[in-house]
C-alpha cells in the first residue's frame, strides 16, 4: 500500500529530534504537547519503526530515527524552498534587520536562508543585541527590529506570543533552596527585571551568581546545574528543564515577539522581508 507522509509530521519529528524534548518542540511549533506526541506516533506508524526513545529527562533518536532524520530534514527543506520559489517576487535593495540574540541563533537561521534563496537580489544585513538597544537605533542603524516585549505592550506588529519560564539543568531535581542562585543577562534587561521583581514580590531570597550579555552563556551556566535562569520556552537550549508555579516559583509575565519598522521609511525589500517574517513567525505557523 502506498504510504504518503504529511510534511507537518516530518517537521514535528525534526523539531523534537533537534530540541530533544517534546515540551520544547511544542513551544517552538506553537502546538500542544499532546498534538506533537500524536504526530510522532502517527509518523512511527507510517514508518513502521520506533524513531524516538522517550525518558523523563530527554528524548533520543533510535537507530532508525538517526537514519530517518537526514531524509526528513531534506524533505522539509525542499518543500519550503519550492513554496518560496513559487511565491518569490523580483525585489532588490538593502535591508538592515536587528534581532534578539536567541532568535538569531535558534529560530531565524533557516528562515533567513529561505528568504535569501527566494530573494537573491536583496542585500540583507543582520545585527543582534538587546531589544532596548536595538529599538533605540531603529531608523538610524536599522530598518526593521524584531523585538521581545511584554505581552500587550501595543507596539509594533505582534507576530507571536512566547511562554516566559524559569529554567534550570534537566540533570537535577529542582527544589527551592534560598537564596536562589541566578544566572541572568546584564542590566538593563527585561527578563532580568521580571525575574527579580517576581522573586521579591514572592518573598524569595536570591543571589546573582552569573551575569552576562550573552544569552548562550547565561543558558549554558543554568544548564550546568549551578543556577536558575529565565528563558523563552521556544528558544531554550537543550539541557534545560522549564519550571513554573508548580515548582514553587512565581509566575512570570508573558512576552511577545513584535516587528518594528523604521517610521517614514519603506521599500519593496523591506516590505518583502516584513511579510516573510510575519508569515514564518506568526502564531500557528510552523517554526522553520
Protein backbone atom coordinates (compact mmCIF):
# COMPACT_ATOMS: atom_id res chain seq x y z
CA UNK A 1 0.00 0.00 0.00
CA UNK A 2 1.29 3.46 -0.94
CA UNK A 3 2.19 5.48 2.16
CA UNK A 4 2.27 9.28 1.97
CA UNK A 5 3.83 11.21 4.85
CA UNK A 6 2.47 14.65 5.71
CA UNK A 7 5.28 17.24 5.76
CA UNK A 8 3.79 18.55 9.01
CA UNK A 9 4.61 15.20 10.68
CA UNK A 10 8.18 15.39 9.41
CA UNK A 11 8.55 18.97 10.64
CA UNK A 12 7.45 17.95 14.13
CA UNK A 13 9.83 14.97 14.11
CA UNK A 14 12.79 17.13 13.08
CA UNK A 15 11.97 19.71 15.77
CA UNK A 16 11.67 17.10 18.54
CA UNK A 17 14.89 15.42 17.40
CA UNK A 18 16.82 18.69 17.36
CA UNK A 19 15.49 20.03 20.67
CA UNK A 20 15.46 16.58 22.37
CA UNK A 21 12.23 17.45 24.12
CA UNK A 22 8.51 17.24 23.34
CA UNK A 23 7.90 20.21 25.65
CA UNK A 24 10.41 22.48 23.89
CA UNK A 25 9.32 21.26 20.46
CA UNK A 26 5.67 22.00 21.24
CA UNK A 27 6.62 25.53 22.35
CA UNK A 28 8.74 26.10 19.24
CA UNK A 29 5.98 24.83 16.95
CA UNK A 30 3.21 26.65 18.87
CA UNK A 31 1.26 23.45 19.32
CA UNK A 32 0.18 21.48 22.37
CA UNK A 33 2.48 18.73 23.60
CA UNK A 34 -0.28 16.17 23.06
CA UNK A 35 -0.60 17.25 19.41
CA UNK A 36 3.13 16.81 18.82
CA UNK A 37 3.09 13.41 20.57
CA UNK A 38 0.17 12.31 18.39
CA UNK A 39 2.02 13.44 15.25
CA UNK A 40 5.14 11.46 16.21
CA UNK A 41 3.07 8.33 16.93
CA UNK A 42 1.38 8.68 13.54
CA UNK A 43 4.76 9.09 11.82
CA UNK A 44 6.12 5.99 13.57
CA UNK A 45 3.05 4.04 12.46
CA UNK A 46 3.64 5.09 8.85
CA UNK A 47 7.38 4.33 9.10
CA UNK A 48 6.76 1.01 10.83
CA UNK A 49 9.63 1.85 13.18
CA UNK A 50 10.19 3.44 16.57
CA UNK A 51 12.04 6.65 15.79
CA UNK A 52 12.40 8.21 19.24
CA UNK A 53 13.23 6.87 22.69
CA UNK A 54 11.45 8.79 25.45
CA UNK A 55 12.76 9.22 29.00
CA UNK A 56 11.78 11.58 31.86
CA UNK A 57 14.71 13.89 31.10
CA UNK A 58 15.33 13.78 27.35
CA UNK A 59 14.36 12.31 24.00
CA UNK A 60 16.91 10.33 21.98
CA UNK A 61 16.89 9.04 18.41
CA UNK A 62 16.75 5.31 17.83
CA UNK A 63 18.99 3.80 15.16
CA UNK A 64 16.08 4.02 12.71
CA UNK A 65 15.44 7.60 13.83
CA UNK A 66 19.05 8.58 13.14
CA UNK A 67 18.82 7.17 9.61
CA UNK A 68 15.46 8.81 9.00
CA UNK A 69 16.35 12.28 10.34
CA UNK A 70 18.52 13.31 7.39
CA UNK A 71 15.79 12.41 4.90
CA UNK A 72 13.17 14.24 6.96
CA UNK A 73 15.29 17.39 7.08
CA UNK A 74 15.85 17.36 3.32
CA UNK A 75 12.17 16.79 2.54
CA UNK A 76 11.06 19.65 4.79
CA UNK A 77 13.74 21.97 3.37
CA UNK A 78 12.87 21.11 -0.24
CA UNK A 79 9.16 21.57 0.48
CA UNK A 80 9.76 25.04 1.93
CA UNK A 81 12.14 26.01 -0.85
CA UNK A 82 9.58 25.02 -3.51
CA UNK A 83 6.93 27.23 -1.89
CA UNK A 84 9.39 30.11 -1.62
CA UNK A 85 10.29 29.90 -5.30
CA UNK A 86 6.63 29.92 -6.31
CA UNK A 87 5.86 32.92 -4.08
CA UNK A 88 9.04 34.91 -4.69
CA UNK A 89 8.88 38.32 -6.32
CA UNK A 90 11.61 40.16 -8.17
CA UNK A 91 12.73 42.54 -5.43
CA UNK A 92 16.08 44.24 -4.92
CA UNK A 93 17.60 46.58 -2.38
CA UNK A 94 19.19 46.55 1.07
CA UNK A 95 17.53 45.83 4.41
CA UNK A 96 19.14 46.24 7.83
CA UNK A 97 17.48 43.86 10.29
CA UNK A 98 18.15 43.81 14.04
CA UNK A 99 17.08 40.85 16.16
CA UNK A 100 17.43 39.40 19.65
CA UNK A 101 20.37 37.01 20.05
CA UNK A 102 18.34 33.88 20.88
CA UNK A 103 16.10 34.23 17.82
CA UNK A 104 19.15 34.90 15.66
CA UNK A 105 20.74 31.62 16.71
CA UNK A 106 17.72 29.32 17.18
CA UNK A 107 14.72 30.48 15.17
CA UNK A 108 15.87 32.66 12.28
CA UNK A 109 18.84 30.99 10.55
CA UNK A 110 16.76 28.70 8.35
CA UNK A 111 14.06 31.35 7.86
CA UNK A 112 16.59 33.94 6.67
CA UNK A 113 18.30 31.34 4.48
CA UNK A 114 14.96 30.70 2.80
CA UNK A 115 14.44 34.43 2.29
CA UNK A 116 17.91 34.77 0.74
CA UNK A 117 17.21 31.91 -1.67
CA UNK A 118 13.87 33.32 -2.74
CA UNK A 119 15.04 36.96 -2.92
CA UNK A 120 18.63 36.77 -4.19
CA UNK A 121 18.69 40.45 -5.21
CA UNK A 122 18.03 41.67 -1.66
CA UNK A 123 21.13 42.52 0.39
CA UNK A 124 20.35 41.54 3.98
CA UNK A 125 22.39 42.87 6.91
CA UNK A 126 21.58 41.32 10.32
CA UNK A 127 22.67 42.67 13.73
CA UNK A 128 21.98 41.04 17.11
CA UNK A 129 21.63 42.60 20.54
CA UNK A 130 19.27 43.54 23.37
CA UNK A 131 15.80 44.74 22.40
CA UNK A 132 16.13 48.12 24.12
CA UNK A 133 19.41 48.96 22.42
CA UNK A 134 18.13 47.82 19.04
CA UNK A 135 14.89 49.81 19.24
CA UNK A 136 16.82 52.94 20.22
CA UNK A 137 18.66 52.68 16.88
CA UNK A 138 15.56 51.97 14.75
CA UNK A 139 15.56 54.33 11.77
CA UNK A 140 19.21 55.29 12.18
CA UNK A 141 21.08 51.98 12.09
CA UNK A 142 18.21 49.57 11.39
CA UNK A 143 15.23 49.41 9.04
CA UNK A 144 13.49 46.59 10.92
CA UNK A 145 13.79 45.37 14.51
CA UNK A 146 12.46 42.02 15.71
CA UNK A 147 11.97 42.61 19.42
CA UNK A 148 10.87 40.88 22.60
CA UNK A 149 8.37 42.84 24.65
CA UNK A 150 5.78 42.37 27.38
CA UNK A 151 2.53 40.88 26.07
CA UNK A 152 0.01 43.62 25.40
CA UNK A 153 2.69 46.29 25.04
CA UNK A 154 0.86 47.63 21.98
CA UNK A 155 3.92 48.46 19.91
CA UNK A 156 4.95 47.07 16.55
CA UNK A 157 3.33 44.22 14.63
CA UNK A 158 2.93 41.34 17.07
CA UNK A 159 3.92 38.09 15.35
CA UNK A 160 3.72 35.55 18.16
CA UNK A 161 3.43 35.12 21.91
CA UNK A 162 6.16 33.42 23.89
CA UNK A 163 5.91 31.48 27.13
CA UNK A 164 8.33 33.02 29.62
CA UNK A 165 9.61 30.36 32.03
CA UNK A 166 12.12 29.70 34.74
CA UNK A 167 14.69 27.07 33.76
CA UNK A 168 17.45 25.01 35.30
CA UNK A 169 19.50 21.97 34.36
CA UNK A 170 17.47 18.92 33.34
CA UNK A 171 20.01 16.79 35.21
CA UNK A 172 18.80 17.96 38.62
CA UNK A 173 15.56 17.72 40.59
CA UNK A 174 14.71 21.34 41.31
CA UNK A 175 13.93 22.35 44.89
CA UNK A 176 13.79 25.87 46.26
CA UNK A 177 16.91 26.43 48.33
CA UNK A 178 17.27 30.06 49.38
CA UNK A 179 18.99 32.16 48.42
CA UNK A 180 18.27 31.12 44.85
CA UNK A 181 21.39 31.20 42.67
CA UNK A 182 20.60 33.11 39.47
CA UNK A 183 22.19 33.36 36.02
CA UNK A 184 20.78 36.43 34.25
CA UNK A 185 21.52 38.83 31.44
CA UNK A 186 23.20 42.10 32.35
CA UNK A 187 21.06 45.13 33.15
CA UNK A 188 19.17 46.77 31.64
CA UNK A 189 17.23 43.69 30.53
CA UNK A 190 13.51 42.96 30.64
CA UNK A 191 13.77 39.31 31.70
CA UNK A 192 16.25 40.22 34.45
CA UNK A 193 13.84 42.85 35.79
CA UNK A 194 10.89 40.44 35.64
CA UNK A 195 12.81 37.74 37.50
CA UNK A 196 13.99 39.95 40.34
CA UNK A 197 10.64 41.72 40.74
CA UNK A 198 8.76 38.38 40.82
CA UNK A 199 11.12 36.88 43.39
CA UNK A 200 10.95 39.98 45.58
CA UNK A 201 7.14 40.03 45.45
CA UNK A 202 7.08 36.32 46.37
CA UNK A 203 9.40 36.96 49.31
CA UNK A 204 12.11 34.64 47.98
CA UNK A 205 15.74 35.46 48.62
CA UNK A 206 18.13 35.40 45.67
CA UNK A 207 21.74 35.99 44.67
CA UNK A 208 23.06 36.70 41.18
CA UNK A 209 25.75 34.09 40.62
CA UNK A 210 26.40 34.83 36.95
CA UNK A 211 25.69 37.81 34.72
CA UNK A 212 26.47 38.15 31.02
CA UNK A 213 25.46 39.99 27.86
CA UNK A 214 25.25 36.61 26.07
CA UNK A 215 22.03 34.59 26.19
CA UNK A 216 24.01 31.49 25.25
CA UNK A 217 26.40 31.97 28.16
CA UNK A 218 23.58 32.53 30.65
CA UNK A 219 21.69 29.44 29.50
CA UNK A 220 24.87 27.36 29.49
CA UNK A 221 25.54 28.33 33.11
CA UNK A 222 21.99 27.31 34.07
CA UNK A 223 22.33 24.05 32.13
CA UNK A 224 25.49 23.25 34.10
CA UNK A 225 23.33 22.80 37.19
CA UNK A 226 24.51 25.67 39.39
CA UNK A 227 21.93 28.37 38.65
CA UNK A 228 18.35 29.25 37.80
CA UNK A 229 17.53 31.48 34.84
CA UNK A 230 14.63 32.86 32.76
CA UNK A 231 14.07 31.77 29.14
CA UNK A 232 11.67 31.85 26.26
CA UNK A 233 10.24 28.33 26.15
CA UNK A 234 10.51 28.21 22.37
CA UNK A 235 14.22 29.01 22.24
CA UNK A 236 15.58 27.43 25.44
CA UNK A 237 18.72 25.40 24.75
CA UNK A 238 18.83 21.60 25.17
CA UNK A 239 19.89 20.62 28.68
CA UNK A 240 17.35 22.88 30.39
CA UNK A 241 14.06 21.96 32.01
CA UNK A 242 11.25 24.52 32.21
CA UNK A 243 9.91 25.42 35.66
CA UNK A 244 6.90 27.34 36.92
CA UNK A 245 4.37 27.81 39.69
CA UNK A 246 4.14 24.05 40.24
CA UNK A 247 7.76 24.18 41.43
CA UNK A 248 7.08 26.96 43.92
CA UNK A 249 8.36 29.74 41.68
CA UNK A 250 6.40 32.95 40.97
CA UNK A 251 4.58 33.36 37.66
CA UNK A 252 6.41 35.48 35.09
CA UNK A 253 4.74 37.86 32.63
CA UNK A 254 4.02 36.58 29.13
CA UNK A 255 6.15 38.02 26.35
CA UNK A 256 5.57 38.58 22.67
CA UNK A 257 7.68 38.95 19.56
CA UNK A 258 6.95 42.08 17.55
CA UNK A 259 8.30 43.50 14.31
CA UNK A 260 9.08 47.23 14.35
CA UNK A 261 9.53 49.22 11.12
CA UNK A 262 11.52 52.43 10.88
CA UNK A 263 8.99 55.30 10.74
CA UNK A 264 8.67 57.09 7.42
CA UNK A 265 10.81 54.57 5.62
CA UNK A 266 9.56 51.96 3.19
CA UNK A 267 10.90 49.97 0.26
CA UNK A 268 9.96 46.88 -1.70
CA UNK A 269 12.79 44.96 0.01
CA UNK A 270 11.61 45.98 3.49
CA UNK A 271 8.03 45.04 2.62
CA UNK A 272 9.14 41.66 1.28
CA UNK A 273 11.16 40.80 4.39
CA UNK A 274 8.42 42.06 6.72
CA UNK A 275 5.80 39.90 5.01
CA UNK A 276 8.15 36.91 5.00
CA UNK A 277 8.90 37.19 8.74
CA UNK A 278 5.24 37.75 9.58
CA UNK A 279 4.24 34.57 7.74
CA UNK A 280 7.10 32.46 9.07
CA UNK A 281 6.86 33.54 12.71
CA UNK A 282 3.15 34.21 13.24
CA UNK A 283 1.29 32.21 15.89
CA UNK A 284 0.16 28.93 14.42
CA UNK A 285 2.78 28.96 11.67
CA UNK A 286 5.33 26.16 11.72
CA UNK A 287 8.70 27.06 13.22
CA UNK A 288 11.31 26.76 10.46
